[in-house]
Amino acid sequence: MTRPTPSAIDPLIDELRARVVERRNSGFYPPGLEEELDAHFKRIVAHRRMTDMRSLRGTLAALEIRGMFSPDRIPLSTSIPGGQRIHQAVSKVVSRQTQGILEQVQDFGDTVREALETIADALEDPYGHVHADIVGQLDAVWERLAAFERGPVDDATAVADLRRRVEALEAAEQFRQFHPTFSADAFESAFRGSGENLKERYREVAQVFADRSPVLDIGCGRGEFMELLASIGVEARGVETDAALVADGRAAGLEIASGDGVVHLASLPDQSLGGIVLIQVVEHLSPQQVVDLVAVGRHKVRDGGAMLVETVNPQSLYTFAHSFYLDPTHANPVHPAYLKFLFEEAGWRDVRIEWRSPPPPDDVLETEDGATEVATANVRRLNQLLFAPQDYALVALR
């Protein structure tokens, strides 16, 4: 096999280098790509087994000396009487054949020595030793990386696979979403009462935020609690996910942002709020969102501020029969002991629970006159389990 001469390889290397320069100047390669590849190559080579170059160079020098083949170096001495003359006579007869063999051996030795010198150079300076095939492979890698940097993958199979995955995710998310045919306002009116009824129900709760402006009402709905706060001189802002309720609130002059309440809260400056209120909201959140809400809220409320969370009471079985499952968007009831623990662990102080919304008296079990003490105690236990207050409000100070 004929080995390529340097004159045949050099034009190929020059052409590859010219292509690299052209693509670099046109912006085809992302900035810093060559440096990253070079650093990566050096990191790989850095873990190679180190070669004793001094010993290798000495061996190559000895090979250079011993690699000179000549008929004069063929010994003719012998211990046989008259054997030297016989050797000399035979040598003259086969001198041409011997010279031909020595020339072939010499050419092979020169080739081996040249290859070993090249290997030694590569071992001694691996970063500067470049082969045309390596340049071509790097060029292909650069092209592929540059394609990814410029935009979407143009491979039809990859694009089709990505499209299928995105469509599957979209379908799963669409299935998870809830899109009722009724409005949130209609639901509120049917099951939570009129705006005036709600204001009356929460009038006392609003006093928690007296002199604590501004207050953020997360999941503000129609804005009744914001109006209550305004009536006692407290600046209030709201955030709501339902676009129709947001539009109605803004039309009534309320400052309501549209979007996820926990995300909106996290975007506010630290210690920029006097208070945070969530009324019948945390039962709609995931467990992680509740944890994030409590932790982030402490950073957003200034010293002396307050946070109030009202939600359904899972300690009341009456709740599950009458209110919790009435709302299809309820996700998880939050136990008051767990919620109190979360606030205390997050660094809130003076955390307290207030029980709200007791079941109607007519629904509570009664004891008959003359009932035994045991019967009376049993009825009391059943009432605690079945007819505990339907809601609780957790209040915490910063």
Protein backbone atom coordinates (compact mmCIF):
# COMPACT_ATOMS: atom_id res chain seq x y z
CA MET A 1 0.00 0.00 0.00
CA THR A 2 1.42 3.38 -1.05
CA ARG A 3 1.67 5.86 1.84
CA PRO A 4 0.50 9.43 1.12
CA THR A 5 3.28 11.95 0.93
CA PRO A 6 3.18 15.20 2.95
CA SER A 7 2.63 17.10 -0.30
CA ALA A 8 -0.64 15.17 -0.82
CA ILE A 9 -1.90 15.71 2.75
CA ASP A 10 -1.04 19.39 3.13
CA PRO A 11 -3.61 20.65 0.56
CA LEU A 12 -6.34 18.66 2.35
CA ILE A 13 -5.44 20.18 5.70
CA ASP A 14 -5.28 23.65 4.15
CA GLU A 15 -8.72 23.15 2.61
CA LEU A 16 -10.22 22.02 5.92
CA ARG A 17 -8.68 24.97 7.74
CA ALA A 18 -10.05 27.34 5.13
CA ARG A 19 -13.54 25.88 5.58
CA VAL A 20 -13.29 26.32 9.33
CA VAL A 21 -12.20 29.96 8.97
CA GLU A 22 -14.99 30.65 6.49
CA ARG A 23 -17.67 29.19 8.76
CA ARG A 24 -16.27 30.92 11.82
CA ASN A 25 -16.38 34.30 10.07
CA SER A 26 -19.94 33.72 8.88
CA GLY A 27 -21.15 32.90 12.39
CA PHE A 28 -21.79 29.26 11.53
CA TYR A 29 -20.07 28.03 14.70
CA PRO A 30 -21.31 29.18 18.12
CA PRO A 31 -18.89 31.45 20.02
CA GLY A 32 -16.30 29.60 22.09
CA LEU A 33 -16.91 26.21 20.46
CA GLU A 34 -13.28 25.64 19.42
CA GLU A 35 -12.00 26.55 22.88
CA GLU A 36 -14.50 24.17 24.50
CA LEU A 37 -13.53 21.30 22.19
CA ASP A 38 -9.83 21.97 22.71
CA ALA A 39 -10.27 22.06 26.49
CA HIS A 40 -12.32 18.84 26.33
CA PHE A 41 -9.59 17.13 24.27
CA LYS A 42 -6.93 18.24 26.72
CA ARG A 43 -8.94 16.93 29.67
CA ILE A 44 -9.19 13.53 27.96
CA VAL A 45 -5.50 13.41 27.11
CA ALA A 46 -4.56 14.56 30.59
CA HIS A 47 -5.74 11.20 31.95
CA ARG A 48 -3.60 9.14 29.56
CA ARG A 49 -0.72 7.05 30.81
CA MET A 50 2.44 9.19 30.62
CA THR A 51 5.26 7.93 28.41
CA ASP A 52 8.94 8.04 29.41
CA MET A 53 10.01 10.25 26.48
CA ARG A 54 13.70 10.35 27.45
CA SER A 55 13.95 6.55 27.33
CA LEU A 56 11.94 6.45 24.08
CA ARG A 57 14.18 9.03 22.41
CA GLY A 58 17.26 7.04 23.50
CA THR A 59 15.86 3.89 21.99
CA LEU A 60 15.16 5.71 18.72
CA ALA A 61 18.75 7.05 18.66
CA ALA A 62 20.11 3.52 19.11
CA LEU A 63 17.82 2.36 16.31
CA GLU A 64 19.25 5.10 14.07
CA ILE A 65 22.78 3.79 14.66
CA ARG A 66 21.95 0.14 14.33
CA GLY A 67 19.62 0.64 11.41
CA MET A 68 22.45 1.08 8.89
CA PHE A 69 22.73 -2.20 6.98
CA SER A 70 25.90 -3.04 4.93
CA PRO A 71 27.60 -6.21 3.54
CA ASP A 72 30.76 -5.15 5.35
CA ARG A 73 29.00 -5.80 8.66
CA ILE A 74 28.40 -9.48 7.79
CA PRO A 75 30.99 -11.49 9.80
CA LEU A 76 33.27 -13.90 7.81
CA SER A 77 35.31 -15.28 10.71
CA THR A 78 35.05 -18.97 11.57
CA SER A 79 36.79 -21.54 13.74
CA ILE A 80 36.81 -24.10 10.90
CA PRO A 81 40.27 -24.39 9.19
CA GLY A 82 40.04 -22.68 5.82
CA GLY A 83 36.45 -21.64 6.54
CA GLN A 84 37.14 -17.90 6.11
CA ARG A 85 38.24 -18.41 2.48
CA ILE A 86 35.08 -20.44 1.84
CA HIS A 87 32.90 -17.59 3.31
CA GLN A 88 34.63 -15.03 1.15
CA ALA A 89 34.19 -17.11 -1.97
CA VAL A 90 30.50 -17.69 -1.26
CA SER A 91 30.04 -13.99 -0.48
CA LYS A 92 31.35 -12.99 -3.88
CA VAL A 93 29.04 -15.44 -5.60
CA VAL A 94 25.87 -14.19 -3.81
CA SER A 95 26.91 -10.55 -3.41
CA ARG A 96 24.18 -9.24 -5.74
CA GLN A 97 21.44 -11.21 -3.97
CA THR A 98 22.77 -10.15 -0.57
CA GLN A 99 22.85 -6.49 -1.59
CA GLY A 100 19.25 -6.69 -2.83
CA ILE A 101 18.08 -8.23 0.44
CA LEU A 102 19.97 -5.62 2.49
CA GLU A 103 18.39 -2.80 0.47
CA GLN A 104 14.92 -4.17 1.19
CA VAL A 105 15.71 -4.53 4.89
CA GLN A 106 17.17 -1.01 4.92
CA ASP A 107 14.02 0.42 3.29
CA PHE A 108 11.82 -1.42 5.81
CA GLY A 109 13.98 -0.22 8.70
CA ASP A 110 13.79 3.38 7.49
CA THR A 111 10.02 3.14 7.23
CA VAL A 112 9.70 1.69 10.74
CA ARG A 113 12.03 4.31 12.17
CA GLU A 114 10.05 7.12 10.50
CA ALA A 115 6.79 5.73 11.89
CA LEU A 116 8.27 5.47 15.38
CA GLU A 117 9.53 9.05 15.16
CA THR A 118 6.02 10.20 14.23
CA ILE A 119 4.52 8.26 17.15
CA ALA A 120 7.08 9.76 19.50
CA ASP A 121 6.22 13.27 18.28
CA ALA A 122 2.54 12.61 18.86
CA LEU A 123 3.14 11.29 22.37
CA GLU A 124 5.38 14.22 23.27
CA ASP A 125 3.02 16.89 21.87
CA PRO A 126 -0.50 15.41 21.63
CA TYR A 127 -2.20 18.81 21.32
CA GLY A 128 -0.20 19.90 18.26
CA HIS A 129 -0.36 16.59 16.44
CA VAL A 130 -3.22 16.81 13.97
CA HIS A 131 -4.34 14.24 11.43
CA ALA A 132 -6.47 15.03 8.41
CA ASP A 133 -9.11 12.51 9.49
CA ILE A 134 -9.34 14.10 12.97
CA VAL A 135 -9.81 17.51 11.36
CA GLY A 136 -12.61 16.11 9.24
CA GLN A 137 -14.32 14.54 12.24
CA LEU A 138 -14.07 17.76 14.23
CA ASP A 139 -15.46 19.66 11.29
CA ALA A 140 -18.48 17.35 11.24
CA VAL A 141 -18.98 17.79 14.99
CA TRP A 142 -18.83 21.58 14.61
CA GLU A 143 -21.41 21.46 11.85
CA ARG A 144 -23.79 19.40 13.99
CA LEU A 145 -23.34 21.63 17.07
CA ALA A 146 -23.76 24.76 14.99
CA ALA A 147 -27.01 23.38 13.58
CA PHE A 148 -28.35 22.87 17.09
CA GLU A 149 -27.25 26.38 18.07
CA ARG A 150 -28.93 27.99 15.07
CA GLY A 151 -32.35 26.48 15.54
CA PRO A 152 -34.54 23.37 15.61
CA VAL A 153 -33.22 20.01 14.60
CA ASP A 154 -33.84 19.52 10.90
CA ASP A 155 -33.83 15.76 11.04
CA ALA A 156 -37.33 14.64 10.04
CA THR A 157 -37.36 11.66 12.40
CA ALA A 158 -36.20 13.71 15.37
CA VAL A 159 -38.70 16.46 14.63
CA ALA A 160 -41.54 13.96 14.32
CA ASP A 161 -40.56 12.34 17.62
CA LEU A 162 -40.42 15.70 19.37
CA ARG A 163 -43.80 16.65 17.92
CA ARG A 164 -45.35 13.43 19.21
CA ARG A 165 -43.95 14.03 22.67
CA VAL A 166 -45.17 17.62 22.78
CA GLU A 167 -48.63 16.60 21.60
CA ALA A 168 -48.78 13.89 24.29
CA LEU A 169 -47.82 16.41 26.97
CA GLU A 170 -50.37 18.91 25.69
CA ALA A 171 -53.08 16.23 25.68
CA ALA A 172 -52.23 15.20 29.24
CA GLU A 173 -52.30 18.81 30.42
CA GLN A 174 -55.56 19.47 28.60
CA PHE A 175 -57.07 16.41 30.26
CA ARG A 176 -55.90 17.65 33.66
CA GLN A 177 -57.39 21.11 33.20
CA PHE A 178 -60.95 21.89 34.24
CA HIS A 179 -63.08 23.87 31.79
CA PRO A 180 -66.64 24.08 33.15
CA THR A 181 -69.57 25.35 31.15
CA PHE A 182 -70.60 27.58 34.09
CA SER A 183 -68.84 30.74 35.24
CA ALA A 184 -66.95 31.11 38.50
CA ASP A 185 -69.28 33.94 39.46
CA ALA A 186 -72.32 31.70 39.01
CA PHE A 187 -70.69 29.02 41.18
CA GLU A 188 -69.85 31.56 43.90
CA SER A 189 -73.40 32.90 43.92
CA ALA A 190 -74.95 29.43 44.06
CA PHE A 191 -72.82 27.92 46.82
CA ARG A 192 -71.06 30.69 48.76
CA GLY A 193 -73.76 33.31 48.90
CA SER A 194 -74.05 36.88 47.68
CA GLY A 195 -71.27 39.42 47.93
CA GLU A 196 -72.95 41.14 50.86
CA ASN A 197 -73.33 37.85 52.73
CA LEU A 198 -69.64 37.12 52.29
CA LYS A 199 -68.64 40.58 53.49
CA GLU A 200 -70.68 40.08 56.63
CA ARG A 201 -69.11 36.69 57.21
CA TYR A 202 -65.55 38.03 56.94
CA ARG A 203 -65.97 41.47 58.48
CA GLU A 204 -64.30 40.42 61.74
CA VAL A 205 -61.50 38.62 59.91
CA ALA A 206 -60.57 41.81 58.06
CA GLN A 207 -59.63 43.45 61.38
CA VAL A 208 -56.51 41.27 61.49
CA PHE A 209 -55.02 43.56 58.81
CA ALA A 210 -55.91 46.92 60.34
CA ASP A 211 -52.92 49.28 59.91
CA ARG A 212 -51.06 46.65 57.86
CA SER A 213 -51.20 48.04 54.30
CA PRO A 214 -50.72 46.80 51.69
CA VAL A 215 -52.40 43.39 51.80
CA LEU A 216 -52.26 40.87 48.96
CA ASP A 217 -55.44 38.79 48.56
CA ILE A 218 -54.43 35.57 46.75
CA GLY A 219 -57.38 33.98 44.96
CA CYS A 220 -59.44 37.12 45.56
CA GLY A 221 -62.41 35.91 43.47
CA ARG A 222 -64.98 38.68 43.11
CA GLY A 223 -62.99 40.95 45.46
CA GLU A 224 -65.36 41.08 48.45
CA PHE A 225 -62.56 40.84 51.00
CA MET A 226 -60.59 43.57 49.20
CA GLU A 227 -63.64 45.81 49.50
CA LEU A 228 -63.84 45.00 53.22
CA LEU A 229 -60.20 45.99 53.67
CA ALA A 230 -60.75 49.21 51.77
CA SER A 231 -63.68 50.03 54.06
CA ILE A 232 -61.33 50.06 57.07
CA GLY A 233 -58.62 52.04 55.28
CA VAL A 234 -56.33 49.17 54.28
CA GLU A 235 -54.77 49.20 50.81
CA ALA A 236 -55.51 45.89 49.11
CA ARG A 237 -54.35 44.19 45.94
CA GLY A 238 -55.53 40.90 44.51
CA VAL A 239 -54.41 38.10 42.22
CA GLU A 240 -56.85 35.70 40.56
CA THR A 241 -56.60 32.93 37.94
CA ASP A 242 -60.13 33.27 36.56
CA ALA A 243 -60.03 35.83 33.75
CA ALA A 244 -63.73 36.69 34.01
CA LEU A 245 -63.47 37.46 37.73
CA VAL A 246 -60.36 39.57 37.08
CA ALA A 247 -62.22 41.59 34.46
CA ASP A 248 -65.21 42.11 36.77
CA GLY A 249 -62.98 43.18 39.65
CA ARG A 250 -61.07 45.65 37.53
CA ALA A 251 -64.34 47.06 36.22
CA ALA A 252 -65.31 47.68 39.85
CA GLY A 253 -62.10 49.64 40.38
CA LEU A 254 -60.12 46.93 42.19
CA GLU A 255 -56.40 46.33 41.57
CA ILE A 256 -56.31 42.67 40.54
CA ALA A 257 -53.50 40.87 38.73
CA SER A 258 -54.19 37.84 36.55
CA GLY A 259 -52.20 34.68 37.13
CA ASP A 260 -50.92 32.13 39.61
CA GLY A 261 -50.98 33.53 43.13
CA VAL A 262 -47.85 31.75 44.41
CA VAL A 263 -45.85 32.83 41.34
CA HIS A 264 -47.12 36.40 41.66
CA LEU A 265 -46.17 36.47 45.34
CA ALA A 266 -42.65 35.25 44.59
CA SER A 267 -42.18 38.09 42.07
CA LEU A 268 -42.77 40.83 44.67
CA PRO A 269 -39.92 42.56 46.53
CA ASP A 270 -39.04 41.19 49.95
CA GLN A 271 -40.82 42.84 52.91
CA SER A 272 -43.06 44.83 50.56
CA LEU A 273 -46.35 43.64 52.06
CA GLY A 274 -48.14 44.30 55.33
CA GLY A 275 -50.16 41.14 55.01
CA ILE A 276 -51.26 38.17 52.90
CA VAL A 277 -54.70 36.58 52.94
CA LEU A 278 -55.95 33.36 51.34
CA ILE A 279 -59.62 32.54 51.81
CA GLN A 280 -60.62 29.05 50.69
CA VAL A 281 -57.55 28.74 48.45
CA VAL A 282 -54.92 26.36 49.89
CA GLU A 283 -57.16 23.34 49.39
CA HIS A 284 -56.77 24.00 45.65
CA LEU A 285 -52.96 23.86 45.80
CA SER A 286 -50.51 20.98 45.59
CA PRO A 287 -48.56 20.03 48.73
CA GLN A 288 -45.40 21.63 47.31
CA GLN A 289 -47.23 24.85 46.48
CA VAL A 290 -48.45 25.09 50.08
CA VAL A 291 -44.89 24.67 51.38
CA ASP A 292 -43.59 27.30 48.94
CA LEU A 293 -46.42 29.68 49.79
CA VAL A 294 -45.67 29.65 53.52
CA ALA A 295 -41.90 30.01 53.05
CA VAL A 296 -42.03 32.70 50.37
CA GLY A 297 -44.76 34.61 52.21
CA ARG A 298 -42.51 35.17 55.21
CA HIS A 299 -39.95 36.93 53.01
CA LYS A 300 -42.54 39.16 51.36
CA VAL A 301 -44.25 40.35 54.57
CA ARG A 302 -42.40 42.98 56.61
CA ASP A 303 -41.84 42.74 60.35
CA GLY A 304 -45.11 43.21 62.22
CA GLY A 305 -47.16 42.02 59.25
CA ALA A 306 -49.60 39.11 59.25
CA MET A 307 -50.73 36.20 57.10
CA LEU A 308 -54.17 34.64 57.31
CA VAL A 309 -55.21 31.36 55.70
CA GLU A 310 -58.80 30.12 55.88
CA THR A 311 -59.63 26.66 54.58
CA VAL A 312 -61.91 23.69 55.16
CA ASN A 313 -61.42 21.68 58.33
CA PRO A 314 -60.63 18.01 57.54
CA GLN A 315 -61.22 17.14 61.19
CA SER A 316 -64.93 17.61 60.55
CA LEU A 317 -66.56 14.76 58.64
CA TYR A 318 -69.53 17.05 58.13
CA THR A 319 -67.28 19.11 55.82
CA PHE A 320 -66.78 16.23 53.39
CA ALA A 321 -70.49 15.60 53.18
CA HIS A 322 -71.45 19.22 52.57
CA SER A 323 -68.69 21.51 51.23
CA PHE A 324 -65.35 19.97 50.31
CA TYR A 325 -66.47 17.80 47.40
CA LEU A 326 -69.01 20.35 46.32
CA ASP A 327 -66.18 22.19 44.56
CA PRO A 328 -64.65 19.96 41.83
CA THR A 329 -61.43 22.00 41.84
CA HIS A 330 -60.57 21.12 45.45
CA ALA A 331 -57.37 19.07 45.48
CA ASN A 332 -56.21 18.37 49.03
CA PRO A 333 -57.58 19.27 52.45
CA VAL A 334 -54.83 20.68 54.68
CA HIS A 335 -54.82 19.53 58.30
CA PRO A 336 -54.67 22.45 60.77
CA ALA A 337 -51.90 20.82 62.81
CA TYR A 338 -49.76 20.37 59.68
CA LEU A 339 -50.37 23.93 58.47
CA LYS A 340 -49.45 25.32 61.89
CA PHE A 341 -46.28 23.22 61.81
CA LEU A 342 -45.36 24.62 58.39
CA PHE A 343 -45.71 28.21 59.55
CA GLU A 344 -43.69 27.66 62.68
CA GLU A 345 -40.94 25.86 60.80
CA ALA A 346 -40.80 28.74 58.28
CA GLY A 347 -40.15 31.21 61.10
CA TRP A 348 -43.56 32.81 61.59
CA ARG A 349 -44.47 33.69 65.18
CA ASP A 350 -47.64 33.72 67.29
CA VAL A 351 -49.27 31.14 65.04
CA ARG A 352 -52.83 30.44 66.17
CA ILE A 353 -55.90 28.59 64.90
CA GLU A 354 -59.41 30.01 64.95
CA TRP A 355 -62.36 27.66 64.35
CA ARG A 356 -65.05 28.96 62.02
CA SER A 357 -68.39 28.01 60.44
CA PRO A 358 -69.95 25.52 62.89
CA PRO A 359 -72.58 23.22 61.39
CA PRO A 360 -76.22 24.30 61.79
CA PRO A 361 -77.45 23.45 65.32
CA ASP A 362 -80.27 21.33 63.91
CA ASP A 363 -77.71 18.96 62.36
CA VAL A 364 -75.80 18.34 65.58
CA LEU A 365 -76.61 15.30 67.69
CA GLU A 366 -78.52 15.97 70.90
CA THR A 367 -78.79 14.01 74.12
CA GLU A 368 -82.16 13.07 75.55
CA ASP A 369 -83.23 14.20 78.97
CA GLY A 370 -82.27 11.61 81.52
CA ALA A 371 -79.52 10.09 79.35
CA THR A 372 -76.76 8.34 81.25
CA GLU A 373 -73.38 9.97 81.65
CA VAL A 374 -71.85 7.42 79.27
CA ALA A 375 -74.45 8.13 76.59
CA THR A 376 -73.90 11.87 76.94
CA ALA A 377 -70.11 11.46 76.64
CA ASN A 378 -70.52 9.29 73.53
CA VAL A 379 -72.75 11.88 71.86
CA ARG A 380 -70.19 14.55 72.66
CA ARG A 381 -67.42 12.47 71.03
CA LEU A 382 -69.53 11.88 67.93
CA ASN A 383 -70.26 15.58 67.63
CA GLN A 384 -66.53 16.34 67.82
CA LEU A 385 -65.85 13.88 65.03
CA LEU A 386 -68.87 14.46 62.81
CA PHE A 387 -69.84 18.07 63.49
CA ALA A 388 -66.67 19.98 64.26
CA PRO A 389 -66.44 23.49 62.73
CA GLN A 390 -66.39 23.32 58.94
CA ASP A 391 -63.52 25.79 58.50
CA TYR A 392 -60.51 27.08 60.36
CA ALA A 393 -58.43 30.23 59.98
CA LEU A 394 -54.74 30.21 60.71
CA VAL A 395 -53.29 33.60 61.68
CA ALA A 396 -49.52 34.14 61.90
CA LEU A 397 -47.40 37.22 62.57
CA ARG A 398 -44.08 38.11 61.00
